[in-house]
N, C-alpha and C. Protein backbone atom coordinates (compact mmCIF):
# COMPACT_ATOMS: atom_id res chain seq x y z
N MET A 1 99.57 91.13 94.61
CA MET A 1 101.13 90.55 94.87
C MET A 1 102.41 91.76 95.02
N CYS A 2 103.29 91.34 96.02
CA CYS A 2 103.90 92.59 95.96
C CYS A 2 104.95 92.48 95.07
N ASN A 3 105.60 93.86 94.65
CA ASN A 3 106.17 94.63 93.72
C ASN A 3 107.67 95.41 94.01
N TRP A 4 108.64 95.30 93.84
CA TRP A 4 109.81 95.01 94.18
C TRP A 4 110.69 96.02 92.60
N ASN A 5 111.01 96.93 93.74
CA ASN A 5 112.49 97.88 92.73
C ASN A 5 113.48 96.70 92.67
N THR A 6 114.61 97.09 91.84
CA THR A 6 115.82 95.92 91.69
C THR A 6 116.88 97.23 91.03
N TYR A 7 117.65 96.86 91.71
CA TYR A 7 119.13 98.29 91.12
C TYR A 7 120.58 97.60 91.02
N THR A 8 120.86 97.28 89.79
CA THR A 8 121.81 96.69 89.24
C THR A 8 122.87 97.55 89.32
N PHE A 9 123.92 97.16 89.16
CA PHE A 9 125.72 97.52 89.27
C PHE A 9 126.19 97.68 88.33
N ASP A 10 127.87 98.15 88.22
CA ASP A 10 128.37 97.64 86.81
C ASP A 10 129.59 96.56 87.45
N CYS A 11 128.96 96.19 88.84
CA CYS A 11 130.58 95.28 89.03
C CYS A 11 129.29 94.00 89.11
N GLY A 12 127.81 94.24 88.43
CA GLY A 12 127.32 92.92 88.15
C GLY A 12 126.62 91.95 89.47
N CYS A 13 126.68 93.18 90.50
CA CYS A 13 125.82 92.84 91.30
C CYS A 13 124.35 93.31 91.58
N MET A 14 123.28 92.74 92.40
CA MET A 14 122.08 93.44 92.30
C MET A 14 121.46 93.48 93.48
N SER A 15 120.61 94.39 93.64
CA SER A 15 119.89 94.69 95.10
C SER A 15 118.25 94.62 94.72
N MET A 16 117.45 94.33 95.57
CA MET A 16 116.17 94.73 95.70
C MET A 16 115.89 95.17 96.80
N ASP A 17 114.31 95.70 95.91
CA ASP A 17 113.44 96.51 97.43
C ASP A 17 112.69 96.29 97.37
N LEU A 18 111.64 96.56 98.18
CA LEU A 18 110.43 96.74 98.33
C LEU A 18 109.26 97.80 98.01
N ARG A 19 108.80 97.79 97.04
CA ARG A 19 107.86 99.13 96.17
C ARG A 19 106.79 99.15 96.82
N SER A 20 106.11 98.24 96.92
CA SER A 20 104.65 98.08 97.58
C SER A 20 103.77 96.87 97.65
N ARG A 21 103.46 96.32 99.04
CA ARG A 21 103.10 95.45 99.07
C ARG A 21 101.51 94.79 98.83
N CYS A 22 101.49 93.58 99.01
CA CYS A 22 100.48 93.12 98.22
C CYS A 22 98.96 93.22 99.23
N GLN A 23 98.05 92.83 99.35
CA GLN A 23 96.68 93.13 100.02
C GLN A 23 96.89 92.37 101.31
N ARG A 24 97.48 90.79 100.96
CA ARG A 24 97.22 90.04 101.90
C ARG A 24 98.52 90.62 103.38
N LYS A 25 99.58 90.83 102.20
CA LYS A 25 100.49 91.47 102.87
C LYS A 25 100.05 92.36 103.76
N LEU A 26 99.36 93.94 103.46
CA LEU A 26 99.08 94.58 104.20
C LEU A 26 98.10 94.47 105.18
N ALA A 27 97.30 93.28 104.91
CA ALA A 27 96.61 92.53 106.17
C ALA A 27 96.98 92.56 107.08
N ASP A 28 97.63 91.55 106.84
CA ASP A 28 98.72 90.87 107.44
C ASP A 28 100.35 90.97 107.85
N ASP A 29 100.50 91.58 108.86
CA ASP A 29 101.45 92.06 108.66
C ASP A 29 103.09 91.25 109.26
N GLU A 30 102.10 90.27 109.55
CA GLU A 30 103.33 88.83 110.99
C GLU A 30 103.89 87.93 108.97
N LEU A 31 103.06 88.34 108.33
CA LEU A 31 103.43 87.54 106.60
C LEU A 31 104.79 87.65 106.55
N ASP A 32 105.84 87.18 106.75
CA ASP A 32 106.78 87.40 106.25
C ASP A 32 108.09 86.44 106.02
N PRO A 33 108.13 85.90 105.20
CA PRO A 33 108.21 86.58 103.92
C PRO A 33 106.89 86.74 103.41
N CYS A 34 106.50 87.04 102.30
CA CYS A 34 105.46 86.99 101.72
C CYS A 34 105.14 85.67 100.76
N PHE A 35 104.42 84.76 100.84
CA PHE A 35 104.63 83.65 99.86
C PHE A 35 103.70 83.57 98.94
N TRP A 36 103.07 84.65 98.09
CA TRP A 36 102.22 84.90 97.06
C TRP A 36 103.17 85.43 95.59
N MET A 37 102.20 85.55 95.37
CA MET A 37 103.32 86.46 93.53
C MET A 37 104.19 87.40 93.81
N GLN A 38 104.93 87.22 93.47
CA GLN A 38 106.12 88.32 93.33
C GLN A 38 106.20 88.68 91.89
N ARG A 39 106.58 91.03 91.68
CA ARG A 39 106.69 90.91 90.71
C ARG A 39 107.89 92.03 90.27
N VAL A 40 108.40 91.69 89.27
CA VAL A 40 109.20 93.16 89.38
C VAL A 40 109.15 93.18 87.52
N SER A 41 108.91 94.32 87.71
CA SER A 41 108.79 94.92 86.07
C SER A 41 109.94 95.74 85.49
N ASP A 42 110.20 95.29 84.32
CA ASP A 42 111.58 96.09 83.38
C ASP A 42 111.72 97.70 84.05
N LYS A 43 110.24 98.30 84.12
CA LYS A 43 110.02 99.79 84.23
C LYS A 43 110.62 100.37 85.61
N TRP A 44 110.80 99.04 86.78
CA TRP A 44 111.57 99.47 88.03
C TRP A 44 112.76 98.41 88.35
N ARG A 45 113.43 98.32 87.29
CA ARG A 45 114.71 98.25 87.28
C ARG A 45 115.46 99.61 87.08
N PHE A 46 116.67 99.78 87.86
CA PHE A 46 117.13 100.82 87.55
C PHE A 46 119.18 100.42 88.09
N HIS A 47 119.78 100.95 86.58
CA HIS A 47 120.89 100.56 87.22
C HIS A 47 121.75 101.82 87.29
N GLN A 48 122.71 101.33 88.28
CA GLN A 48 123.11 102.70 89.30
C GLN A 48 124.50 103.50 88.52
N GLN A 49 124.97 102.64 87.67
CA GLN A 49 126.23 103.41 86.89
C GLN A 49 127.69 103.69 87.84
N ARG A 50 127.59 102.55 88.90
CA ARG A 50 128.03 102.98 89.90
C ARG A 50 129.05 101.17 90.36
N MET A 51 130.26 100.32 90.92
CA MET A 51 129.83 99.56 91.81
C MET A 51 129.34 99.98 92.94
N CYS A 52 128.90 98.41 93.61
CA CYS A 52 128.10 98.42 94.76
C CYS A 52 129.63 98.77 95.76
N ASP A 53 128.52 98.82 96.76
CA ASP A 53 129.45 99.18 98.14
C ASP A 53 130.21 98.25 98.26
N ALA A 54 129.51 97.12 98.54
CA ALA A 54 130.93 96.29 99.06
C ALA A 54 131.73 96.05 98.05
N CYS A 55 132.10 95.96 96.46
CA CYS A 55 132.72 95.10 95.95
C CYS A 55 133.90 96.87 96.14
N ASN A 56 133.22 97.63 96.00
CA ASN A 56 134.03 99.17 95.89
C ASN A 56 134.61 99.09 97.37
N TYR A 57 134.06 99.00 98.42
CA TYR A 57 135.08 98.54 99.79
C TYR A 57 136.56 97.44 99.50
N ARG A 58 136.03 96.00 99.21
CA ARG A 58 136.98 95.12 98.58
C ARG A 58 138.34 96.03 97.66
N LEU A 59 137.65 96.68 96.89
CA LEU A 59 138.29 96.98 95.36
C LEU A 59 139.92 98.29 96.25
N MET A 60 138.86 99.29 96.95
CA MET A 60 139.76 99.97 97.68
C MET A 60 140.18 99.82 98.87
N HIS A 61 140.25 98.59 99.56
CA HIS A 61 141.12 97.71 100.85
C HIS A 61 142.03 96.88 100.09
N GLY A 62 141.84 96.50 98.92
CA GLY A 62 142.49 95.46 98.43
C GLY A 62 142.06 94.01 99.26
N GLU A 63 140.89 93.23 99.20
CA GLU A 63 140.30 92.14 99.75
C GLU A 63 140.33 91.28 98.75
N TRP A 64 140.64 91.63 97.38
CA TRP A 64 140.09 90.70 96.54
C TRP A 64 141.68 90.03 95.73
N SER A 65 141.52 88.55 96.06
CA SER A 65 141.91 87.26 96.00
C SER A 65 142.48 87.51 94.39
N GLU A 66 143.67 87.02 93.59
CA GLU A 66 143.68 86.84 92.62
C GLU A 66 142.61 86.43 91.68
N ILE A 67 141.56 85.08 92.47
CA ILE A 67 140.64 84.51 91.53
C ILE A 67 138.97 85.53 91.51
N GLY A 68 139.04 85.99 92.75
CA GLY A 68 138.31 86.61 93.56
C GLY A 68 137.97 87.78 92.03
N ALA A 69 139.92 88.70 92.42
CA ALA A 69 139.56 89.55 91.11
C ALA A 69 139.07 89.42 89.60
N ARG A 70 139.78 88.25 89.04
CA ARG A 70 138.96 87.69 87.81
C ARG A 70 137.56 87.38 87.56
N ALA A 71 137.32 86.77 88.94
CA ALA A 71 135.24 86.57 88.95
C ALA A 71 134.99 88.45 88.67
N HIS A 72 135.10 89.12 89.51
CA HIS A 72 134.81 89.74 89.62
C HIS A 72 134.72 90.95 88.27
N GLU A 73 135.75 90.74 87.49
CA GLU A 73 135.87 91.59 85.94
C GLU A 73 135.07 90.48 85.18
N ILE A 74 135.19 89.27 85.37
CA ILE A 74 134.19 89.14 83.87
C ILE A 74 132.35 88.89 84.52
N ALA A 75 132.25 89.30 86.29
CA ALA A 75 131.16 89.50 86.43
C ALA A 75 130.54 91.25 86.05
N ARG A 76 131.81 91.54 85.76
CA ARG A 76 130.72 92.74 85.63
C ARG A 76 131.17 93.37 83.42
N LEU A 77 131.71 92.62 83.11
CA LEU A 77 131.68 92.36 81.57
C LEU A 77 130.79 92.16 81.52
N MET A 78 130.31 91.03 81.88
CA MET A 78 128.84 89.94 81.59
C MET A 78 127.75 91.36 81.83
N ALA A 79 127.91 92.09 83.22
CA ALA A 79 126.89 93.10 83.27
C ALA A 79 126.42 94.19 82.28
N ARG A 80 127.97 94.69 81.86
CA ARG A 80 127.78 95.58 80.93
C ARG A 80 127.34 95.20 79.19
N ALA A 81 127.52 93.63 79.29
CA ALA A 81 127.35 93.28 78.06
C ALA A 81 125.92 92.91 77.83
N ARG A 82 124.70 93.18 78.99
CA ARG A 82 123.89 92.97 79.86
C ARG A 82 123.15 94.39 78.79
N GLN A 83 124.04 95.12 79.78
CA GLN A 83 123.02 96.56 79.41
C GLN A 83 123.27 97.21 77.40
N LEU A 84 124.08 97.01 76.94
CA LEU A 84 124.27 97.27 76.12
C LEU A 84 123.59 96.38 74.98
N GLY A 85 123.45 95.76 75.07
CA GLY A 85 122.31 94.14 74.55
C GLY A 85 120.75 94.12 74.44
């Protein structure tokens, strides 16, 4: 099974990065995407304690609409609640 690192941000966004490939993926590099089992372990979840680059850019350049800003705030609060809970 392929293993993944998961990165969460204060803004509520998440990104994933391939940690290690399964044996089938190693044997057949043309196998993309891998349709076999995928795994994300709790010990491979890393909180970055900052906003993601895309949200930080939007915030710095004033590209948030009123609805977008409110949605972002709700997502940020929900992400913070998951960390504390």
